N, C-alpha and C. Protein backbone atom coordinates (compact mmCIF):
# COMPACT_ATOMS: atom_id res chain seq x y z
N MET A 1 255.19 113.21 222.28
CA MET A 1 254.17 112.65 221.39
C MET A 1 253.37 111.61 222.15
N PRO A 2 252.04 111.70 222.12
CA PRO A 2 251.25 110.67 222.78
C PRO A 2 251.31 109.34 222.02
N GLU A 3 251.05 108.29 222.75
CA GLU A 3 250.94 106.96 222.14
C GLU A 3 249.62 106.90 221.39
N LEU A 4 249.63 106.33 220.18
CA LEU A 4 248.42 106.20 219.38
C LEU A 4 247.85 104.80 219.50
N GLU A 5 246.55 104.72 219.71
CA GLU A 5 245.85 103.44 219.74
C GLU A 5 244.74 103.50 218.70
N SER A 6 244.81 102.62 217.70
CA SER A 6 243.77 102.60 216.67
C SER A 6 242.45 102.19 217.29
N LEU A 7 241.37 102.82 216.83
CA LEU A 7 240.04 102.49 217.34
C LEU A 7 239.27 101.58 216.41
N GLY A 8 239.93 101.05 215.38
CA GLY A 8 239.28 100.12 214.47
C GLY A 8 238.52 100.78 213.35
N ILE A 9 238.49 102.10 213.33
CA ILE A 9 237.90 102.88 212.24
C ILE A 9 239.05 103.64 211.62
N ALA A 10 239.21 103.52 210.31
CA ALA A 10 240.35 104.15 209.64
C ALA A 10 240.48 105.62 210.00
N GLY A 11 241.65 105.99 210.51
CA GLY A 11 241.92 107.38 210.85
C GLY A 11 241.48 107.80 212.24
N ALA A 12 240.83 106.93 213.00
CA ALA A 12 240.37 107.26 214.36
C ALA A 12 241.33 106.67 215.38
N TYR A 13 241.77 107.51 216.31
CA TYR A 13 242.75 107.09 217.29
C TYR A 13 242.43 107.63 218.67
N ARG A 14 242.80 106.82 219.67
CA ARG A 14 242.88 107.31 221.04
C ARG A 14 244.31 107.79 221.20
N LEU A 15 244.47 108.99 221.72
CA LEU A 15 245.79 109.53 221.98
C LEU A 15 246.04 109.43 223.48
N ARG A 16 247.02 108.63 223.85
CA ARG A 16 247.37 108.43 225.27
C ARG A 16 248.57 109.31 225.59
N PRO A 17 248.39 110.28 226.46
CA PRO A 17 249.48 111.21 226.75
C PRO A 17 250.61 110.58 227.55
N ARG A 18 251.77 111.17 227.42
CA ARG A 18 252.94 110.79 228.21
C ARG A 18 253.37 112.02 228.99
N PRO A 19 252.91 112.14 230.22
CA PRO A 19 253.18 113.37 230.97
C PRO A 19 254.63 113.49 231.43
N ALA A 20 255.09 114.72 231.48
CA ALA A 20 256.35 115.04 232.14
C ALA A 20 255.97 115.53 233.53
N ARG A 21 256.49 114.87 234.55
CA ARG A 21 256.12 115.20 235.93
C ARG A 21 257.32 115.75 236.70
N ASP A 22 257.01 116.66 237.59
CA ASP A 22 258.01 117.11 238.56
C ASP A 22 257.25 117.59 239.80
N ALA A 23 257.94 118.23 240.71
CA ALA A 23 257.34 118.64 241.98
C ALA A 23 256.17 119.61 241.79
N ARG A 24 256.12 120.33 240.67
CA ARG A 24 255.05 121.29 240.43
C ARG A 24 253.76 120.64 239.95
N GLY A 25 253.88 119.45 239.37
CA GLY A 25 252.71 118.78 238.79
C GLY A 25 253.10 118.07 237.51
N TRP A 26 252.35 118.29 236.44
CA TRP A 26 252.64 117.63 235.18
C TRP A 26 252.35 118.55 234.01
N PHE A 27 252.93 118.18 232.88
CA PHE A 27 252.70 118.85 231.60
C PHE A 27 252.57 117.76 230.56
N VAL A 28 251.60 117.94 229.65
CA VAL A 28 251.42 116.93 228.62
C VAL A 28 251.07 117.62 227.30
N ARG A 29 251.62 117.10 226.22
CA ARG A 29 251.22 117.53 224.88
C ARG A 29 250.34 116.41 224.35
N TYR A 30 249.06 116.69 224.15
CA TYR A 30 248.18 115.65 223.68
C TYR A 30 247.95 115.68 222.19
N LEU A 31 248.58 116.62 221.49
CA LEU A 31 248.52 116.61 220.04
C LEU A 31 249.80 117.19 219.48
N ASP A 32 250.38 116.49 218.51
CA ASP A 32 251.55 116.96 217.78
C ASP A 32 251.29 116.66 216.32
N THR A 33 250.85 117.67 215.58
CA THR A 33 250.42 117.45 214.19
C THR A 33 251.57 117.01 213.30
N GLU A 34 252.79 117.46 213.58
CA GLU A 34 253.93 117.01 212.77
C GLU A 34 254.17 115.52 212.96
N ALA A 35 254.11 115.05 214.19
CA ALA A 35 254.33 113.63 214.46
C ALA A 35 253.21 112.77 213.89
N LEU A 36 251.99 113.33 213.81
CA LEU A 36 250.85 112.57 213.29
C LEU A 36 250.76 112.58 211.77
N ALA A 37 251.52 113.41 211.11
CA ALA A 37 251.37 113.64 209.67
C ALA A 37 251.39 112.36 208.85
N GLU A 38 252.19 111.38 209.23
CA GLU A 38 252.23 110.11 208.48
C GLU A 38 250.95 109.31 208.64
N VAL A 39 250.34 109.38 209.80
CA VAL A 39 249.15 108.59 210.10
C VAL A 39 247.88 109.29 209.63
N LEU A 40 247.75 110.55 209.98
CA LEU A 40 246.57 111.33 209.63
C LEU A 40 246.94 112.80 209.57
N PRO A 41 247.06 113.34 208.37
CA PRO A 41 247.35 114.77 208.30
C PRO A 41 246.22 115.56 208.96
N VAL A 42 246.57 116.33 209.97
CA VAL A 42 245.58 117.10 210.72
C VAL A 42 245.67 118.55 210.27
N PRO A 43 244.62 119.07 209.63
CA PRO A 43 244.64 120.48 209.25
C PRO A 43 244.58 121.35 210.50
N GLY A 44 244.85 122.61 210.33
CA GLY A 44 244.77 123.51 211.47
C GLY A 44 243.38 123.54 212.06
N PHE A 45 243.29 123.73 213.35
CA PHE A 45 242.01 123.81 214.01
C PHE A 45 241.51 125.25 214.01
N VAL A 46 240.23 125.43 213.72
CA VAL A 46 239.66 126.77 213.60
C VAL A 46 238.60 127.07 214.66
N HIS A 47 238.01 126.04 215.25
CA HIS A 47 237.04 126.23 216.33
C HIS A 47 237.51 125.43 217.54
N PHE A 48 237.39 126.04 218.70
CA PHE A 48 237.66 125.37 219.96
C PHE A 48 236.39 125.52 220.79
N ASN A 49 235.72 124.42 221.04
CA ASN A 49 234.43 124.45 221.74
C ASN A 49 234.54 123.74 223.08
N HIS A 50 233.69 124.15 224.00
CA HIS A 50 233.68 123.60 225.36
C HIS A 50 232.23 123.31 225.72
N SER A 51 231.92 122.06 226.06
CA SER A 51 230.55 121.73 226.46
C SER A 51 230.51 121.36 227.93
N HIS A 52 229.39 121.70 228.56
CA HIS A 52 229.12 121.33 229.95
C HIS A 52 227.79 120.61 229.96
N THR A 53 227.76 119.43 230.53
CA THR A 53 226.53 118.64 230.61
C THR A 53 226.23 118.38 232.08
N GLU A 54 225.04 118.77 232.50
CA GLU A 54 224.66 118.72 233.91
C GLU A 54 224.54 117.31 234.48
N HIS A 55 223.84 116.41 233.75
CA HIS A 55 223.44 115.14 234.35
C HIS A 55 224.06 113.92 233.68
N ARG A 56 224.43 112.97 234.50
CA ARG A 56 224.92 111.69 233.97
C ARG A 56 223.81 111.00 233.20
N GLY A 57 224.21 110.26 232.19
CA GLY A 57 223.23 109.56 231.36
C GLY A 57 222.78 110.37 230.15
N SER A 58 223.13 111.66 230.11
CA SER A 58 222.75 112.51 228.97
C SER A 58 223.55 112.10 227.74
N VAL A 59 222.91 112.22 226.57
CA VAL A 59 223.58 111.90 225.31
C VAL A 59 223.61 113.15 224.45
N ARG A 60 224.77 113.42 223.88
CA ARG A 60 224.94 114.48 222.88
C ARG A 60 225.43 113.81 221.60
N GLY A 61 224.82 114.18 220.48
CA GLY A 61 225.26 113.65 219.18
C GLY A 61 224.31 112.58 218.71
N LEU A 62 224.63 112.04 217.64
CA LEU A 62 225.88 111.85 216.92
C LEU A 62 225.94 112.82 215.74
N HIS A 63 226.98 113.65 215.65
CA HIS A 63 227.05 114.73 214.67
C HIS A 63 228.26 114.60 213.76
N LEU A 64 228.11 115.15 212.55
CA LEU A 64 229.22 115.31 211.62
C LEU A 64 228.84 116.37 210.60
N GLN A 65 229.84 116.82 209.86
CA GLN A 65 229.62 117.70 208.71
C GLN A 65 230.12 116.95 207.48
N ILE A 66 229.51 117.25 206.34
CA ILE A 66 229.85 116.53 205.11
C ILE A 66 230.38 117.48 204.05
N GLY A 67 230.81 116.89 202.93
CA GLY A 67 231.29 117.67 201.80
C GLY A 67 232.55 118.44 202.16
N ALA A 68 232.67 119.64 201.61
CA ALA A 68 233.85 120.47 201.85
C ALA A 68 233.96 120.90 203.31
N ALA A 69 232.86 120.84 204.07
CA ALA A 69 232.86 121.24 205.48
C ALA A 69 233.22 120.09 206.42
N ALA A 70 233.45 118.90 205.88
CA ALA A 70 233.82 117.77 206.74
C ALA A 70 235.04 118.14 207.56
N GLU A 71 235.05 117.71 208.80
CA GLU A 71 236.08 118.18 209.73
C GLU A 71 236.74 117.05 210.49
N VAL A 72 237.99 117.30 210.85
CA VAL A 72 238.70 116.47 211.82
C VAL A 72 238.36 117.07 213.18
N LYS A 73 238.13 116.20 214.17
CA LYS A 73 237.86 116.67 215.53
C LYS A 73 238.86 116.02 216.48
N LEU A 74 239.21 116.77 217.49
CA LEU A 74 239.99 116.25 218.61
C LEU A 74 239.17 116.54 219.85
N VAL A 75 238.88 115.51 220.64
CA VAL A 75 237.98 115.65 221.79
C VAL A 75 238.70 115.16 223.04
N LYS A 76 238.58 115.96 224.11
CA LYS A 76 239.20 115.62 225.39
C LYS A 76 238.24 115.96 226.52
N CYS A 77 238.13 115.08 227.49
CA CYS A 77 237.30 115.31 228.68
C CYS A 77 238.15 116.05 229.71
N VAL A 78 237.64 117.18 230.20
CA VAL A 78 238.38 117.96 231.19
C VAL A 78 237.72 117.95 232.57
N ARG A 79 236.50 117.40 232.64
CA ARG A 79 235.82 117.26 233.93
C ARG A 79 234.80 116.15 233.80
N GLY A 80 234.78 115.23 234.77
CA GLY A 80 233.83 114.12 234.74
C GLY A 80 234.31 112.97 233.89
N ALA A 81 233.38 112.32 233.20
CA ALA A 81 233.70 111.15 232.38
C ALA A 81 232.60 110.94 231.35
N VAL A 82 232.98 110.42 230.18
CA VAL A 82 232.02 110.11 229.12
C VAL A 82 232.38 108.79 228.46
N LEU A 83 231.37 108.21 227.83
CA LEU A 83 231.61 107.16 226.85
C LEU A 83 231.51 107.88 225.51
N ASP A 84 232.63 108.01 224.82
CA ASP A 84 232.69 108.70 223.54
C ASP A 84 232.40 107.68 222.45
N VAL A 85 231.62 108.09 221.45
CA VAL A 85 231.17 107.17 220.40
C VAL A 85 231.50 107.77 219.03
N LEU A 86 232.08 106.94 218.16
CA LEU A 86 232.40 107.32 216.79
C LEU A 86 231.70 106.35 215.86
N VAL A 87 231.08 106.87 214.78
CA VAL A 87 230.41 106.02 213.79
C VAL A 87 230.91 106.43 212.40
N ASP A 88 231.45 105.48 211.66
CA ASP A 88 231.98 105.74 210.32
C ASP A 88 230.83 105.90 209.34
N CYS A 89 230.72 107.09 208.75
CA CYS A 89 229.64 107.40 207.80
C CYS A 89 230.17 107.63 206.39
N ARG A 90 231.41 107.24 206.12
CA ARG A 90 232.04 107.52 204.83
C ARG A 90 231.66 106.47 203.80
N ARG A 91 231.08 106.94 202.71
CA ARG A 91 230.72 106.04 201.61
C ARG A 91 231.97 105.30 201.12
N GLY A 92 231.86 103.99 201.00
CA GLY A 92 232.96 103.17 200.50
C GLY A 92 234.00 102.81 201.54
N SER A 93 233.87 103.27 202.76
CA SER A 93 234.84 102.95 203.80
C SER A 93 234.73 101.48 204.19
N PRO A 94 235.86 100.80 204.40
CA PRO A 94 235.79 99.40 204.83
C PRO A 94 235.17 99.22 206.21
N THR A 95 235.08 100.31 206.98
CA THR A 95 234.46 100.22 208.31
C THR A 95 233.14 101.00 208.36
N PHE A 96 232.49 101.13 207.20
CA PHE A 96 231.23 101.87 207.10
C PHE A 96 230.20 101.37 208.11
N LEU A 97 229.63 102.30 208.85
CA LEU A 97 228.63 102.11 209.90
C LEU A 97 229.12 101.30 211.10
N GLN A 98 230.40 101.03 211.16
CA GLN A 98 230.94 100.44 212.38
C GLN A 98 231.13 101.56 213.40
N HIS A 99 231.05 101.20 214.67
CA HIS A 99 231.25 102.21 215.68
C HIS A 99 232.35 101.79 216.66
N ALA A 100 232.94 102.80 217.28
CA ALA A 100 233.98 102.59 218.29
C ALA A 100 233.55 103.32 219.55
N LEU A 101 233.85 102.72 220.69
CA LEU A 101 233.51 103.27 222.00
C LEU A 101 234.80 103.51 222.78
N VAL A 102 234.92 104.70 223.37
CA VAL A 102 236.12 105.05 224.14
C VAL A 102 235.69 105.78 225.40
N GLU A 103 236.14 105.33 226.54
CA GLU A 103 235.85 106.06 227.77
C GLU A 103 236.91 107.14 227.95
N LEU A 104 236.46 108.36 228.13
CA LEU A 104 237.34 109.49 228.39
C LEU A 104 237.04 110.01 229.78
N VAL A 105 238.10 110.29 230.55
CA VAL A 105 237.93 110.78 231.92
C VAL A 105 238.76 112.04 232.12
N GLU A 106 238.37 112.81 233.11
CA GLU A 106 239.06 114.06 233.41
C GLU A 106 240.49 113.83 233.87
N GLY A 107 241.20 114.91 234.01
CA GLY A 107 242.57 114.84 234.50
C GLY A 107 243.53 114.62 233.35
N LEU A 108 244.39 113.70 233.52
CA LEU A 108 245.41 113.41 232.51
C LEU A 108 244.87 112.40 231.51
N GLY A 109 243.58 112.46 231.27
CA GLY A 109 242.92 111.48 230.41
C GLY A 109 243.32 111.57 228.96
N ASP A 110 242.86 110.60 228.23
CA ASP A 110 243.15 110.48 226.81
C ASP A 110 242.32 111.47 226.00
N ALA A 111 242.71 111.62 224.75
CA ALA A 111 241.95 112.41 223.78
C ALA A 111 241.61 111.47 222.63
N VAL A 112 240.62 111.84 221.84
CA VAL A 112 240.22 111.05 220.68
C VAL A 112 240.35 111.92 219.44
N LEU A 113 241.01 111.38 218.42
CA LEU A 113 241.16 112.04 217.14
C LEU A 113 240.18 111.40 216.17
N ILE A 114 239.27 112.22 215.62
CA ILE A 114 238.17 111.73 214.81
C ILE A 114 238.35 112.24 213.39
N PRO A 115 238.45 111.34 212.41
CA PRO A 115 238.65 111.79 211.03
C PRO A 115 237.38 112.34 210.39
N ARG A 116 237.55 112.99 209.27
CA ARG A 116 236.45 113.55 208.49
C ARG A 116 235.50 112.43 208.09
N GLY A 117 234.19 112.71 208.18
CA GLY A 117 233.19 111.74 207.77
C GLY A 117 232.80 110.73 208.83
N VAL A 118 233.29 110.92 210.05
CA VAL A 118 232.95 110.03 211.16
C VAL A 118 232.12 110.82 212.16
N ALA A 119 230.91 110.33 212.44
CA ALA A 119 230.02 110.99 213.38
C ALA A 119 230.54 110.82 214.81
N HIS A 120 230.24 111.81 215.65
CA HIS A 120 230.72 111.79 217.03
C HIS A 120 229.59 112.13 217.98
N GLY A 121 229.57 111.44 219.10
CA GLY A 121 228.65 111.74 220.18
C GLY A 121 229.19 111.14 221.47
N PHE A 122 228.46 111.34 222.55
CA PHE A 122 228.90 110.77 223.83
C PHE A 122 227.75 110.69 224.81
N GLN A 123 227.93 109.83 225.83
CA GLN A 123 227.03 109.78 226.97
C GLN A 123 227.85 110.13 228.21
N THR A 124 227.30 111.03 229.02
CA THR A 124 228.00 111.39 230.26
C THR A 124 227.86 110.27 231.28
N LEU A 125 228.97 109.97 231.94
CA LEU A 125 228.99 108.93 232.97
C LEU A 125 228.97 109.52 234.37
N GLN A 126 229.14 110.84 234.44
CA GLN A 126 229.10 111.56 235.72
C GLN A 126 228.35 112.87 235.51
N ASP A 127 227.77 113.39 236.60
CA ASP A 127 227.19 114.73 236.56
C ASP A 127 228.31 115.75 236.33
N GLN A 128 227.93 116.91 235.83
CA GLN A 128 228.85 118.04 235.68
C GLN A 128 230.07 117.69 234.83
N THR A 129 229.82 117.12 233.66
CA THR A 129 230.91 116.70 232.77
C THR A 129 231.18 117.77 231.71
N GLU A 130 232.47 117.97 231.41
CA GLU A 130 232.87 118.97 230.42
C GLU A 130 233.85 118.37 229.42
N LEU A 131 233.63 118.73 228.15
CA LEU A 131 234.53 118.31 227.07
C LEU A 131 235.05 119.54 226.34
N ILE A 132 236.26 119.41 225.82
CA ILE A 132 236.85 120.40 224.93
C ILE A 132 236.93 119.75 223.55
N TYR A 133 236.47 120.46 222.52
CA TYR A 133 236.50 119.96 221.14
C TYR A 133 237.34 120.92 220.30
N HIS A 134 238.16 120.37 219.45
CA HIS A 134 238.91 121.15 218.46
C HIS A 134 238.35 120.73 217.10
N HIS A 135 237.99 121.70 216.26
CA HIS A 135 237.41 121.41 214.95
C HIS A 135 238.28 122.02 213.85
N SER A 136 238.47 121.28 212.77
CA SER A 136 239.32 121.76 211.68
C SER A 136 238.57 122.58 210.64
N HIS A 137 237.26 122.70 210.78
CA HIS A 137 236.48 123.46 209.81
C HIS A 137 235.39 124.21 210.55
N PRO A 138 235.06 125.43 210.12
CA PRO A 138 233.98 126.16 210.77
C PRO A 138 232.64 125.43 210.63
N TYR A 139 231.79 125.62 211.61
CA TYR A 139 230.46 125.03 211.59
C TYR A 139 229.65 125.63 210.43
N GLN A 140 229.04 124.75 209.64
CA GLN A 140 228.16 125.17 208.55
C GLN A 140 226.85 124.40 208.67
N PRO A 141 225.78 125.06 209.09
CA PRO A 141 224.50 124.38 209.33
C PRO A 141 224.02 123.54 208.15
N ASP A 142 224.23 124.01 206.92
CA ASP A 142 223.75 123.25 205.76
C ASP A 142 224.55 121.98 205.51
N ALA A 143 225.73 121.86 206.11
CA ALA A 143 226.56 120.67 205.94
C ALA A 143 226.43 119.72 207.12
N GLU A 144 225.66 120.10 208.14
CA GLU A 144 225.53 119.26 209.33
C GLU A 144 224.62 118.08 209.05
N ARG A 145 225.00 116.94 209.56
CA ARG A 145 224.20 115.73 209.53
C ARG A 145 224.26 115.10 210.91
N GLY A 146 223.34 114.19 211.16
CA GLY A 146 223.33 113.51 212.45
C GLY A 146 222.72 112.14 212.35
N LEU A 147 223.04 111.33 213.31
CA LEU A 147 222.50 109.98 213.43
C LEU A 147 221.76 109.89 214.76
N ARG A 148 220.71 109.11 214.80
CA ARG A 148 219.99 108.88 216.05
C ARG A 148 220.84 108.03 216.98
N TYR A 149 220.89 108.41 218.23
CA TYR A 149 221.66 107.68 219.24
C TYR A 149 221.14 106.25 219.42
N ASP A 150 219.87 106.02 219.08
CA ASP A 150 219.24 104.72 219.29
C ASP A 150 218.90 104.03 217.97
N ASP A 151 219.61 104.39 216.89
CA ASP A 151 219.32 103.80 215.59
C ASP A 151 219.68 102.31 215.61
N PRO A 152 218.72 101.43 215.33
CA PRO A 152 219.00 99.99 215.38
C PRO A 152 220.02 99.54 214.33
N ARG A 153 220.15 100.29 213.26
CA ARG A 153 221.13 99.91 212.23
C ARG A 153 222.56 100.08 212.74
N ILE A 154 222.75 100.99 213.67
CA ILE A 154 224.08 101.20 214.25
C ILE A 154 224.28 100.29 215.47
N GLY A 155 223.27 100.18 216.32
CA GLY A 155 223.31 99.23 217.44
C GLY A 155 224.22 99.61 218.59
N ILE A 156 224.28 100.89 218.94
CA ILE A 156 225.11 101.30 220.07
C ILE A 156 224.45 100.83 221.36
N ILE A 157 225.23 100.22 222.23
CA ILE A 157 224.74 99.83 223.55
C ILE A 157 225.32 100.83 224.54
N TRP A 158 224.46 101.72 225.03
CA TRP A 158 224.88 102.75 225.98
C TRP A 158 225.04 102.13 227.36
N PRO A 159 226.00 102.57 228.15
CA PRO A 159 226.28 101.93 229.44
C PRO A 159 225.23 102.17 230.51
N MET A 160 224.36 103.18 230.31
CA MET A 160 223.31 103.45 231.29
C MET A 160 222.08 103.94 230.54
N PRO A 161 220.92 103.94 231.17
CA PRO A 161 219.74 104.46 230.50
C PRO A 161 219.97 105.90 230.05
N VAL A 162 219.45 106.24 228.88
CA VAL A 162 219.61 107.60 228.35
C VAL A 162 218.68 108.52 229.13
N ALA A 163 219.28 109.51 229.80
CA ALA A 163 218.52 110.40 230.68
C ALA A 163 217.98 111.62 229.93
N GLU A 164 218.81 112.23 229.09
CA GLU A 164 218.41 113.44 228.39
C GLU A 164 219.03 113.44 227.00
N VAL A 165 218.26 113.93 226.02
CA VAL A 165 218.71 114.10 224.64
C VAL A 165 218.07 115.39 224.15
N SER A 166 218.78 116.17 223.36
CA SER A 166 218.18 117.40 222.83
C SER A 166 217.09 117.07 221.83
N GLY A 167 216.17 118.00 221.64
CA GLY A 167 215.13 117.83 220.64
C GLY A 167 215.71 117.65 219.25
N LYS A 168 216.77 118.39 218.96
CA LYS A 168 217.43 118.28 217.66
C LYS A 168 217.98 116.87 217.45
N ASP A 169 218.64 116.31 218.47
CA ASP A 169 219.21 114.97 218.32
C ASP A 169 218.13 113.89 218.28
N GLU A 170 217.04 114.12 218.97
CA GLU A 170 215.91 113.18 218.94
C GLU A 170 215.22 113.18 217.58
N ALA A 171 215.34 114.29 216.85
CA ALA A 171 214.64 114.44 215.57
C ALA A 171 215.37 113.84 214.37
N TRP A 172 216.65 113.47 214.53
CA TRP A 172 217.33 112.85 213.39
C TRP A 172 216.59 111.58 213.00
N PRO A 173 216.37 111.34 211.72
CA PRO A 173 215.66 110.12 211.32
C PRO A 173 216.54 108.88 211.45
N PHE A 174 215.89 107.74 211.60
CA PHE A 174 216.63 106.47 211.56
C PHE A 174 217.18 106.29 210.16
N LEU A 175 218.32 105.64 210.06
CA LEU A 175 218.92 105.39 208.75
C LEU A 175 218.06 104.43 207.94
N LYS A 176 217.89 104.73 206.68
CA LYS A 176 217.18 103.83 205.78
C LYS A 176 218.14 102.73 205.32
N ASP A 177 217.59 101.60 204.94
CA ASP A 177 218.41 100.51 204.44
C ASP A 177 219.22 100.94 203.21
N SER A 178 218.73 101.92 202.50
CA SER A 178 219.39 102.39 201.28
C SER A 178 220.55 103.35 201.57
N PHE A 179 220.75 103.76 202.83
CA PHE A 179 221.82 104.70 203.16
C PHE A 179 223.17 104.05 202.87
N GLU A 180 223.95 104.71 202.00
CA GLU A 180 225.27 104.19 201.62
C GLU A 180 226.41 105.07 202.09
N GLY A 181 226.10 106.08 202.90
CA GLY A 181 227.15 106.93 203.43
C GLY A 181 227.24 108.26 202.72
N TYR A 182 228.13 109.09 203.20
CA TYR A 182 228.32 110.42 202.67
C TYR A 182 229.64 110.49 201.91
N GLU A 183 229.63 111.23 200.81
CA GLU A 183 230.85 111.53 200.09
C GLU A 183 231.58 112.61 200.89
N ILE A 184 232.85 112.40 201.11
CA ILE A 184 233.65 113.36 201.83
C ILE A 184 234.68 113.92 200.85
N ASP A 185 234.65 115.22 200.63
CA ASP A 185 235.60 115.84 199.70
C ASP A 185 237.03 115.56 200.14
N PRO A 186 237.92 115.30 199.17
CA PRO A 186 239.32 115.03 199.54
C PRO A 186 240.02 116.25 200.12
């Protein structure tokens, strides 16, 4: 079972692996849903996605799904390095619109467990960076929402100038003062 480190957002954790090593190399279990059940029941994962980002400084996200399509995500860097960003978008959450920053690096690096209703994105810190994502719910375009990476209401300070952002991510509107979060189905 990996060591859990709270990220200051309810249900969000950094999972620090405990590798078993021998002459062949190492083995690590970075997720054990039975052991996590008391902290955060993790439903079965239905999508496993892999992203490759060419250039350092690129930003992907911040994305989430709402309603019945809201999903738990598990994210791990398998090549390069990223600054992973989580933003709590849950209506009524005590950490509403707070964000957490976690550096993830390749190799025996940590993973991040992201609860339902929390937006996720990252900035690559190295060229040729790859992430693996596990999603607990299938992608549903009508349930997708996003936040601008440079929204002043969130106030994320990226570690380097933003080099590239997709047109889709650039098009998310800034949050209005009236934004109170999303209802997440139980």
